[in-house]
Amino acid sequence: MKKDGIFITQQIGAENDRERVEILLPEYKDLPYSEHYLNIKQQEISEQGFEILESGETFQPIKFSDTVALVWFAKIIEWEFPNFSVKSHLDNLYKIQEIIEANGAVEGRIHRFYIVGKKI
């Protein structure tokens, strides 16, 4: 990138969907992308010769009020729900259904951050 060029990135953070992963796939304890935190990525970008102009990080709620919708979500985001299948995780899906029936939804958080940098 040329000097004074602007770099903008928005990333999914390390803790994205962890609450749902922990219920559906309790065998997966480690964060799959443990380096995906704002402070770590800012440091990496700075080390590549960028001045950080702006950045931010957020944790926002996400709710599923339907078990089928959560199954669809887990199947299309396979990197966050590795080796998920209805058959092998049926007991966990029953637990989720119980939570939905008791509380109206199963809740969690999404984790996002962004960085704007200028090449120096």
C-alpha atoms as a PDB file:
ATOM      1  CA  MET A   1       0.000   0.000   0.000  1.00  0.00           C
ATOM      2  CA  LYS A   2       1.235   3.481  -0.831  1.00  0.00           C
ATOM      3  CA  LYS A   3       2.158   6.003   1.838  1.00  0.00           C
ATOM      4  CA  ASP A   4      -0.961   7.732   3.205  1.00  0.00           C
ATOM      5  CA  GLY A   5      -3.169   4.943   1.841  1.00  0.00           C
ATOM      6  CA  ILE A   6      -6.174   4.086   3.993  1.00  0.00           C
ATOM      7  CA  PHE A   7      -6.827   0.539   5.186  1.00  0.00           C
ATOM      8  CA  ILE A   8     -10.263  -0.373   6.595  1.00  0.00           C
ATOM      9  CA  THR A   9     -11.211  -3.743   8.032  1.00  0.00           C
ATOM     10  CA  GLN A  10     -14.152  -5.143   9.954  1.00  0.00           C
ATOM     11  CA  GLN A  11     -13.611  -8.499  11.629  1.00  0.00           C
ATOM     12  CA  ILE A  12     -15.509 -11.134  13.531  1.00  0.00           C
ATOM     13  CA  GLY A  13     -14.034 -11.405  17.011  1.00  0.00           C
ATOM     14  CA  ALA A  14     -12.758 -14.445  18.877  1.00  0.00           C
ATOM     15  CA  GLU A  15     -15.770 -14.668  21.184  1.00  0.00           C
ATOM     16  CA  ASN A  16     -18.390 -14.605  18.435  1.00  0.00           C
ATOM     17  CA  ASP A  17     -21.244 -17.073  19.077  1.00  0.00           C
ATOM     18  CA  ARG A  18     -19.402 -18.705  21.992  1.00  0.00           C
ATOM     19  CA  GLU A  19     -22.520 -19.171  24.120  1.00  0.00           C
ATOM     20  CA  ARG A  20     -24.215 -21.188  21.395  1.00  0.00           C
ATOM     21  CA  VAL A  21     -21.070 -23.168  20.594  1.00  0.00           C
ATOM     22  CA  GLU A  22     -20.716 -24.079  24.272  1.00  0.00           C
ATOM     23  CA  ILE A  23     -24.286 -25.425  24.355  1.00  0.00           C
ATOM     24  CA  LEU A  24     -24.227 -27.212  20.996  1.00  0.00           C
ATOM     25  CA  LEU A  25     -20.617 -28.402  21.028  1.00  0.00           C
ATOM     26  CA  PRO A  26     -19.386 -28.544  24.632  1.00  0.00           C
ATOM     27  CA  GLU A  27     -16.423 -30.629  23.499  1.00  0.00           C
ATOM     28  CA  TYR A  28     -14.927 -27.535  21.810  1.00  0.00           C
ATOM     29  CA  LYS A  29     -13.379 -25.571  24.654  1.00  0.00           C
ATOM     30  CA  ASP A  30     -10.771 -23.576  22.744  1.00  0.00           C
ATOM     31  CA  LEU A  31     -11.561 -20.445  20.800  1.00  0.00           C
ATOM     32  CA  PRO A  32     -11.022 -21.261  17.113  1.00  0.00           C
ATOM     33  CA  TYR A  33      -9.646 -17.776  16.390  1.00  0.00           C
ATOM     34  CA  SER A  34      -8.118 -16.802  19.720  1.00  0.00           C
ATOM     35  CA  GLU A  35      -6.080 -13.987  18.141  1.00  0.00           C
ATOM     36  CA  HIS A  36      -9.158 -12.138  16.861  1.00  0.00           C
ATOM     37  CA  TYR A  37      -9.304  -9.317  19.400  1.00  0.00           C
ATOM     38  CA  LEU A  38      -9.092  -5.636  18.624  1.00  0.00           C
ATOM     39  CA  ASN A  39      -5.932  -5.021  20.653  1.00  0.00           C
ATOM     40  CA  ILE A  40      -4.055  -7.893  19.001  1.00  0.00           C
ATOM     41  CA  LYS A  41      -5.046  -6.876  15.462  1.00  0.00           C
ATOM     42  CA  GLN A  42      -4.225  -3.216  16.155  1.00  0.00           C
ATOM     43  CA  GLN A  43      -0.737  -4.255  17.225  1.00  0.00           C
ATOM     44  CA  GLU A  44      -0.281  -6.392  14.103  1.00  0.00           C
ATOM     45  CA  ILE A  45      -1.450  -3.577  11.819  1.00  0.00           C
ATOM     46  CA  SER A  46       0.797  -1.054  13.590  1.00  0.00           C
ATOM     47  CA  GLU A  47       3.763  -3.394  13.137  1.00  0.00           C
ATOM     48  CA  GLN A  48       3.048  -3.384   9.389  1.00  0.00           C
ATOM     49  CA  GLY A  49       3.582   0.377   9.239  1.00  0.00           C
ATOM     50  CA  PHE A  50       0.101   1.755   9.824  1.00  0.00           C
ATOM     51  CA  GLU A  51      -1.096   4.514  12.106  1.00  0.00           C
ATOM     52  CA  ILE A  52      -4.407   3.548  13.697  1.00  0.00           C
ATOM     53  CA  LEU A  53      -6.865   6.354  12.932  1.00  0.00           C
ATOM     54  CA  GLU A  54      -9.986   4.820  14.421  1.00  0.00           C
ATOM     55  CA  SER A  55     -11.143   1.532  15.881  1.00  0.00           C
ATOM     56  CA  GLY A  56     -13.935   0.016  17.879  1.00  0.00           C
ATOM     57  CA  GLU A  57     -15.136  -3.257  19.321  1.00  0.00           C
ATOM     58  CA  THR A  58     -18.613  -4.405  20.247  1.00  0.00           C
ATOM     59  CA  PHE A  59     -20.459  -7.335  21.721  1.00  0.00           C
ATOM     60  CA  GLN A  60     -24.096  -7.334  20.657  1.00  0.00           C
ATOM     61  CA  PRO A  61     -26.922  -9.681  21.633  1.00  0.00           C
ATOM     62  CA  ILE A  62     -28.302 -12.265  19.261  1.00  0.00           C
ATOM     63  CA  LYS A  63     -31.339 -14.422  19.986  1.00  0.00           C
ATOM     64  CA  PHE A  64     -32.827 -17.521  18.450  1.00  0.00           C
ATOM     65  CA  SER A  65     -36.434 -18.301  19.250  1.00  0.00           C
ATOM     66  CA  ASP A  66     -36.511 -21.380  17.034  1.00  0.00           C
ATOM     67  CA  THR A  67     -34.295 -24.473  17.256  1.00  0.00           C
ATOM     68  CA  VAL A  68     -34.531 -25.095  13.509  1.00  0.00           C
ATOM     69  CA  ALA A  69     -33.169 -21.611  12.814  1.00  0.00           C
ATOM     70  CA  LEU A  70     -30.235 -22.293  15.135  1.00  0.00           C
ATOM     71  CA  VAL A  71     -29.540 -25.602  13.359  1.00  0.00           C
ATOM     72  CA  TRP A  72     -29.492 -23.781  10.010  1.00  0.00           C
ATOM     73  CA  PHE A  73     -27.176 -21.125  11.476  1.00  0.00           C
ATOM     74  CA  ALA A  74     -24.769 -23.753  12.852  1.00  0.00           C
ATOM     75  CA  LYS A  75     -24.672 -25.621   9.550  1.00  0.00           C
ATOM     76  CA  ILE A  76     -23.869 -22.583   7.399  1.00  0.00           C
ATOM     77  CA  ILE A  77     -21.226 -21.223   9.790  1.00  0.00           C
ATOM     78  CA  GLU A  78     -19.293 -24.462   9.971  1.00  0.00           C
ATOM     79  CA  TRP A  79     -16.016 -22.798  11.014  1.00  0.00           C
ATOM     80  CA  GLU A  80     -17.658 -21.773  14.300  1.00  0.00           C
ATOM     81  CA  PHE A  81     -19.577 -25.031  14.746  1.00  0.00           C
ATOM     82  CA  PRO A  82     -17.085 -27.659  13.510  1.00  0.00           C
ATOM     83  CA  ASN A  83     -18.421 -31.160  12.952  1.00  0.00           C
ATOM     84  CA  PHE A  84     -21.936 -30.160  13.974  1.00  0.00           C
ATOM     85  CA  SER A  85     -24.737 -32.470  12.941  1.00  0.00           C
ATOM     86  CA  VAL A  86     -28.260 -32.883  14.230  1.00  0.00           C
ATOM     87  CA  LYS A  87     -27.765 -36.612  14.716  1.00  0.00           C
ATOM     88  CA  SER A  88     -24.581 -36.376  16.779  1.00  0.00           C
ATOM     89  CA  HIS A  89     -25.735 -33.373  18.837  1.00  0.00           C
ATOM     90  CA  LEU A  90     -29.408 -34.206  19.313  1.00  0.00           C
ATOM     91  CA  ASP A  91     -29.236 -34.199  23.131  1.00  0.00           C
ATOM     92  CA  ASN A  92     -27.797 -30.675  23.057  1.00  0.00           C
ATOM     93  CA  LEU A  93     -30.561 -29.570  20.706  1.00  0.00           C
ATOM     94  CA  TYR A  94     -33.116 -30.887  23.203  1.00  0.00           C
ATOM     95  CA  LYS A  95     -31.442 -28.710  25.866  1.00  0.00           C
ATOM     96  CA  ILE A  96     -31.689 -25.701  23.570  1.00  0.00           C
ATOM     97  CA  GLN A  97     -35.352 -26.423  22.924  1.00  0.00           C
ATOM     98  CA  GLU A  98     -35.951 -26.523  26.685  1.00  0.00           C
ATOM     99  CA  ILE A  99     -34.240 -23.126  27.059  1.00  0.00           C
ATOM    100  CA  ILE A 100     -36.371 -21.673  24.267  1.00  0.00           C
ATOM    101  CA  GLU A 101     -39.564 -23.057  25.804  1.00  0.00           C
ATOM    102  CA  ALA A 102     -38.639 -21.671  29.241  1.00  0.00           C
ATOM    103  CA  ASN A 103     -37.259 -18.274  28.164  1.00  0.00           C
ATOM    104  CA  GLY A 104     -38.675 -17.634  24.714  1.00  0.00           C
ATOM    105  CA  ALA A 105     -35.207 -17.682  23.133  1.00  0.00           C
ATOM    106  CA  VAL A 106     -31.656 -18.881  23.465  1.00  0.00           C
ATOM    107  CA  GLU A 107     -29.368 -15.881  23.735  1.00  0.00           C
ATOM    108  CA  GLY A 108     -25.774 -15.166  22.946  1.00  0.00           C
ATOM    109  CA  ARG A 109     -23.475 -12.468  21.672  1.00  0.00           C
ATOM    110  CA  ILE A 110     -21.825 -11.535  18.446  1.00  0.00           C
ATOM    111  CA  HIS A 111     -18.325 -10.073  18.646  1.00  0.00           C
ATOM    112  CA  ARG A 112     -17.170  -7.544  16.052  1.00  0.00           C
ATOM    113  CA  PHE A 113     -14.421  -4.984  15.683  1.00  0.00           C
ATOM    114  CA  TYR A 114     -13.142  -2.576  13.069  1.00  0.00           C
ATOM    115  CA  ILE A 115      -9.902  -0.743  12.403  1.00  0.00           C
ATOM    116  CA  VAL A 116      -9.095   2.192  10.154  1.00  0.00           C
ATOM    117  CA  GLY A 117      -5.395   2.684   9.522  1.00  0.00           C
ATOM    118  CA  LYS A 118      -3.197   4.954   7.429  1.00  0.00           C
ATOM    119  CA  LYS A 119       0.038   3.731   5.856  1.00  0.00           C
ATOM    120  CA  ILE A 120       2.985   5.719   7.197  1.00  0.00           C
END
